[in-house]
Each structure stands twice: as structure tokens, then as C-alpha cells.
Amino acid sequence: MTATATRELKTRAKDEQSELKTREEAAAYLTMKTQTLAAWAMTGKYLPMVKIGRSVRYRKCDLDDFLRRRTVGGDGAE
């Protein structure tokens, strides 16, 4: 694989990790209610969010990190 192809793959992977999701999409991804995410947003707990005007978005990589931090058991996890 050439250096350019490797760079393009890394960029694409980074873009996918940075994908923005609406509150509804994030709630579905986490199998939670949108009201829970809204409450967390008001208190600033648990999940970072991106504000675009009055819209709220969540990065997929932050959602994945949230799940990873709360995973218990198996393969040396807490």
C-alpha cells in the first residue's frame, strides 16, 4: 500500500469517528431515551456535545468512548 493510500484510509477512518449524530440518532445508538441525553446536556454530565446554533450533535467517537468507559467484565475490562 502506498503512503498516499494509507493516508487516505487514516483520514477516512478519522472522518467516520468524527461523524456527528443528532440527539435522536445518539439516543438510538445508545438505546436510551432522548430525554436522558437532554437532561445530561443540561447538567453537562457524561457526554460531550457539539452545539451548532441551537442544535445539539454528538460525535460517534464520544458515544463509543462513553460505552467503552461503562463496559464491565470480559477481557480485562473493569
N, C-alpha and C. Protein backbone atom coordinates (compact mmCIF):
# COMPACT_ATOMS: atom_id res chain seq x y z
N MET A 1 0.85 -1.17 0.00
CA MET A 1 0.00 0.00 0.00
C MET A 1 0.89 1.24 0.00
N THR A 2 0.54 2.20 -0.81
CA THR A 2 1.35 3.42 -0.91
C THR A 2 1.08 4.32 0.28
N ALA A 3 1.98 5.27 0.47
CA ALA A 3 1.82 6.22 1.58
C ALA A 3 0.55 7.05 1.40
N THR A 4 0.24 7.41 0.15
CA THR A 4 -0.97 8.19 -0.12
C THR A 4 -2.22 7.39 0.22
N ALA A 5 -2.25 6.13 -0.16
CA ALA A 5 -3.40 5.28 0.14
C ALA A 5 -3.57 5.10 1.64
N THR A 6 -2.46 4.93 2.35
CA THR A 6 -2.50 4.79 3.80
C THR A 6 -3.05 6.05 4.44
N ARG A 7 -2.58 7.20 3.97
CA ARG A 7 -3.04 8.49 4.49
C ARG A 7 -4.54 8.67 4.26
N GLU A 8 -5.01 8.29 3.06
CA GLU A 8 -6.44 8.40 2.74
C GLU A 8 -7.28 7.50 3.63
N LEU A 9 -6.80 6.29 3.90
CA LEU A 9 -7.53 5.38 4.79
C LEU A 9 -7.60 5.94 6.21
N LYS A 10 -6.50 6.51 6.70
CA LYS A 10 -6.49 7.10 8.03
C LYS A 10 -7.44 8.28 8.11
N THR A 11 -7.45 9.11 7.06
CA THR A 11 -8.35 10.27 7.02
C THR A 11 -9.80 9.83 7.01
N ARG A 12 -10.12 8.82 6.20
CA ARG A 12 -11.48 8.31 6.13
C ARG A 12 -11.91 7.74 7.48
N ALA A 13 -11.03 7.00 8.13
CA ALA A 13 -11.34 6.42 9.45
C ALA A 13 -11.57 7.53 10.46
N LYS A 14 -10.75 8.56 10.41
CA LYS A 14 -10.90 9.68 11.34
C LYS A 14 -12.23 10.39 11.10
N ASP A 15 -12.60 10.60 9.83
CA ASP A 15 -13.87 11.23 9.49
C ASP A 15 -15.04 10.41 10.01
N GLU A 16 -14.97 9.09 9.88
CA GLU A 16 -16.05 8.22 10.36
C GLU A 16 -16.16 8.31 11.88
N GLN A 17 -15.04 8.40 12.58
CA GLN A 17 -15.07 8.51 14.03
C GLN A 17 -15.63 9.86 14.47
N SER A 18 -15.48 10.87 13.65
CA SER A 18 -15.94 12.20 13.99
C SER A 18 -17.36 12.47 13.51
N GLU A 19 -18.01 11.47 12.96
CA GLU A 19 -19.35 11.62 12.43
C GLU A 19 -20.29 12.19 13.50
N LEU A 20 -21.03 13.23 13.13
CA LEU A 20 -21.96 13.85 14.07
C LEU A 20 -23.32 13.20 13.98
N LYS A 21 -23.93 12.98 15.15
CA LYS A 21 -25.26 12.38 15.22
C LYS A 21 -26.20 13.33 15.95
N THR A 22 -27.46 13.35 15.52
CA THR A 22 -28.46 14.14 16.23
C THR A 22 -28.73 13.49 17.58
N ARG A 23 -29.45 14.19 18.43
CA ARG A 23 -29.80 13.61 19.73
C ARG A 23 -30.61 12.32 19.55
N GLU A 24 -31.51 12.32 18.58
CA GLU A 24 -32.32 11.13 18.33
C GLU A 24 -31.45 9.96 17.87
N GLU A 25 -30.52 10.24 16.97
CA GLU A 25 -29.62 9.19 16.48
C GLU A 25 -28.71 8.68 17.60
N ALA A 26 -28.20 9.61 18.41
CA ALA A 26 -27.32 9.22 19.52
C ALA A 26 -28.09 8.37 20.54
N ALA A 27 -29.32 8.76 20.84
CA ALA A 27 -30.13 8.00 21.78
C ALA A 27 -30.41 6.60 21.25
N ALA A 28 -30.72 6.49 19.98
CA ALA A 28 -30.95 5.18 19.38
C ALA A 28 -29.68 4.33 19.42
N TYR A 29 -28.55 4.95 19.13
CA TYR A 29 -27.26 4.25 19.14
C TYR A 29 -26.95 3.70 20.53
N LEU A 30 -27.28 4.48 21.57
CA LEU A 30 -27.02 4.08 22.95
C LEU A 30 -28.17 3.29 23.57
N THR A 31 -29.25 3.13 22.82
CA THR A 31 -30.51 2.52 23.30
C THR A 31 -30.97 3.19 24.59
N MET A 32 -31.09 4.52 24.51
CA MET A 32 -31.55 5.34 25.62
C MET A 32 -32.64 6.27 25.10
N LYS A 33 -33.29 6.95 26.02
CA LYS A 33 -34.30 7.92 25.64
C LYS A 33 -33.63 9.26 25.35
N THR A 34 -34.22 10.00 24.40
CA THR A 34 -33.69 11.32 24.08
C THR A 34 -33.76 12.25 25.29
N GLN A 35 -34.77 12.05 26.14
CA GLN A 35 -34.92 12.88 27.33
C GLN A 35 -33.73 12.71 28.27
N THR A 36 -33.18 11.52 28.33
CA THR A 36 -32.00 11.28 29.17
C THR A 36 -30.81 12.08 28.66
N LEU A 37 -30.59 12.04 27.35
CA LEU A 37 -29.49 12.82 26.77
C LEU A 37 -29.72 14.31 26.96
N ALA A 38 -30.97 14.75 26.86
CA ALA A 38 -31.28 16.16 27.07
C ALA A 38 -30.97 16.57 28.51
N ALA A 39 -31.33 15.72 29.46
CA ALA A 39 -31.04 16.01 30.87
C ALA A 39 -29.54 16.06 31.11
N TRP A 40 -28.80 15.12 30.52
CA TRP A 40 -27.35 15.12 30.67
C TRP A 40 -26.75 16.38 30.05
N ALA A 41 -27.31 16.83 28.94
CA ALA A 41 -26.81 18.04 28.29
C ALA A 41 -27.02 19.27 29.19
N MET A 42 -28.16 19.31 29.86
CA MET A 42 -28.46 20.44 30.75
C MET A 42 -27.49 20.48 31.94
N THR A 43 -27.08 19.31 32.42
CA THR A 43 -26.20 19.25 33.59
C THR A 43 -24.73 19.15 33.21
N GLY A 44 -24.45 18.91 31.93
CA GLY A 44 -23.07 18.78 31.48
C GLY A 44 -22.43 17.47 31.89
N LYS A 45 -23.24 16.46 32.18
CA LYS A 45 -22.72 15.17 32.63
C LYS A 45 -22.54 14.20 31.49
N TYR A 46 -21.60 13.31 31.67
CA TYR A 46 -21.40 12.08 30.90
C TYR A 46 -20.90 12.23 29.47
N LEU A 47 -21.60 13.00 28.64
CA LEU A 47 -21.26 13.04 27.21
C LEU A 47 -20.95 14.46 26.75
N PRO A 48 -19.81 14.63 26.07
CA PRO A 48 -19.59 15.93 25.43
C PRO A 48 -20.53 16.08 24.24
N MET A 49 -20.90 17.30 23.94
CA MET A 49 -21.78 17.54 22.80
C MET A 49 -21.24 18.71 22.00
N VAL A 50 -21.71 18.78 20.78
CA VAL A 50 -21.33 19.87 19.87
C VAL A 50 -22.57 20.73 19.66
N LYS A 51 -22.45 22.03 19.94
CA LYS A 51 -23.57 22.95 19.70
C LYS A 51 -23.34 23.65 18.38
N ILE A 52 -24.33 23.56 17.51
CA ILE A 52 -24.31 24.27 16.23
C ILE A 52 -25.57 25.11 16.21
N GLY A 53 -25.41 26.38 16.53
CA GLY A 53 -26.59 27.21 16.72
C GLY A 53 -27.37 26.67 17.91
N ARG A 54 -28.65 26.38 17.70
CA ARG A 54 -29.45 25.79 18.77
C ARG A 54 -29.48 24.28 18.68
N SER A 55 -28.84 23.72 17.68
CA SER A 55 -28.82 22.26 17.50
C SER A 55 -27.72 21.63 18.33
N VAL A 56 -27.98 20.42 18.78
CA VAL A 56 -27.01 19.65 19.54
C VAL A 56 -26.64 18.42 18.72
N ARG A 57 -25.34 18.14 18.64
CA ARG A 57 -24.86 16.94 17.95
C ARG A 57 -23.88 16.22 18.86
N TYR A 58 -23.76 14.92 18.63
CA TYR A 58 -22.84 14.08 19.38
C TYR A 58 -21.91 13.38 18.40
N ARG A 59 -20.61 13.39 18.72
CA ARG A 59 -19.65 12.68 17.87
C ARG A 59 -19.72 11.20 18.17
N LYS A 60 -19.68 10.38 17.13
CA LYS A 60 -19.75 8.93 17.30
C LYS A 60 -18.61 8.43 18.17
N CYS A 61 -17.42 8.99 18.00
CA CYS A 61 -16.28 8.55 18.81
C CYS A 61 -16.52 8.82 20.28
N ASP A 62 -17.24 9.91 20.62
CA ASP A 62 -17.57 10.18 22.03
C ASP A 62 -18.60 9.18 22.56
N LEU A 63 -19.55 8.80 21.71
CA LEU A 63 -20.53 7.80 22.11
C LEU A 63 -19.85 6.45 22.36
N ASP A 64 -18.93 6.10 21.46
CA ASP A 64 -18.20 4.84 21.62
C ASP A 64 -17.34 4.87 22.89
N ASP A 65 -16.71 6.01 23.16
CA ASP A 65 -15.89 6.14 24.36
C ASP A 65 -16.76 6.03 25.62
N PHE A 66 -17.94 6.62 25.59
CA PHE A 66 -18.89 6.52 26.70
C PHE A 66 -19.21 5.05 26.99
N LEU A 67 -19.50 4.30 25.94
CA LEU A 67 -19.81 2.88 26.11
C LEU A 67 -18.61 2.10 26.61
N ARG A 68 -17.45 2.41 26.10
CA ARG A 68 -16.22 1.71 26.50
C ARG A 68 -15.93 1.95 27.98
N ARG A 69 -16.11 3.19 28.45
CA ARG A 69 -15.86 3.51 29.86
C ARG A 69 -16.82 2.81 30.79
N ARG A 70 -18.00 2.45 30.30
CA ARG A 70 -19.00 1.82 31.15
C ARG A 70 -19.13 0.32 30.95
N THR A 71 -18.22 -0.25 30.17
CA THR A 71 -18.23 -1.69 29.95
C THR A 71 -17.56 -2.36 31.14
N VAL A 72 -18.24 -3.37 31.69
CA VAL A 72 -17.75 -4.08 32.86
C VAL A 72 -17.57 -5.55 32.51
N GLY A 73 -16.44 -6.12 32.92
CA GLY A 73 -16.19 -7.55 32.72
C GLY A 73 -15.61 -7.87 31.36
N GLY A 74 -15.21 -9.14 31.22
CA GLY A 74 -14.66 -9.63 29.96
C GLY A 74 -13.29 -9.06 29.66
N ASP A 75 -12.42 -9.82 29.11
CA ASP A 75 -11.10 -9.44 28.58
C ASP A 75 -10.40 -8.31 29.35
N GLY A 76 -10.40 -8.37 30.64
CA GLY A 76 -9.62 -7.43 31.43
C GLY A 76 -10.27 -6.08 31.64
N ALA A 77 -11.51 -5.90 31.19
CA ALA A 77 -12.19 -4.63 31.44
C ALA A 77 -12.52 -4.55 32.93
N GLU A 78 -12.82 -3.37 33.40
CA GLU A 78 -13.13 -3.17 34.83
C GLU A 78 -14.33 -3.95 35.26
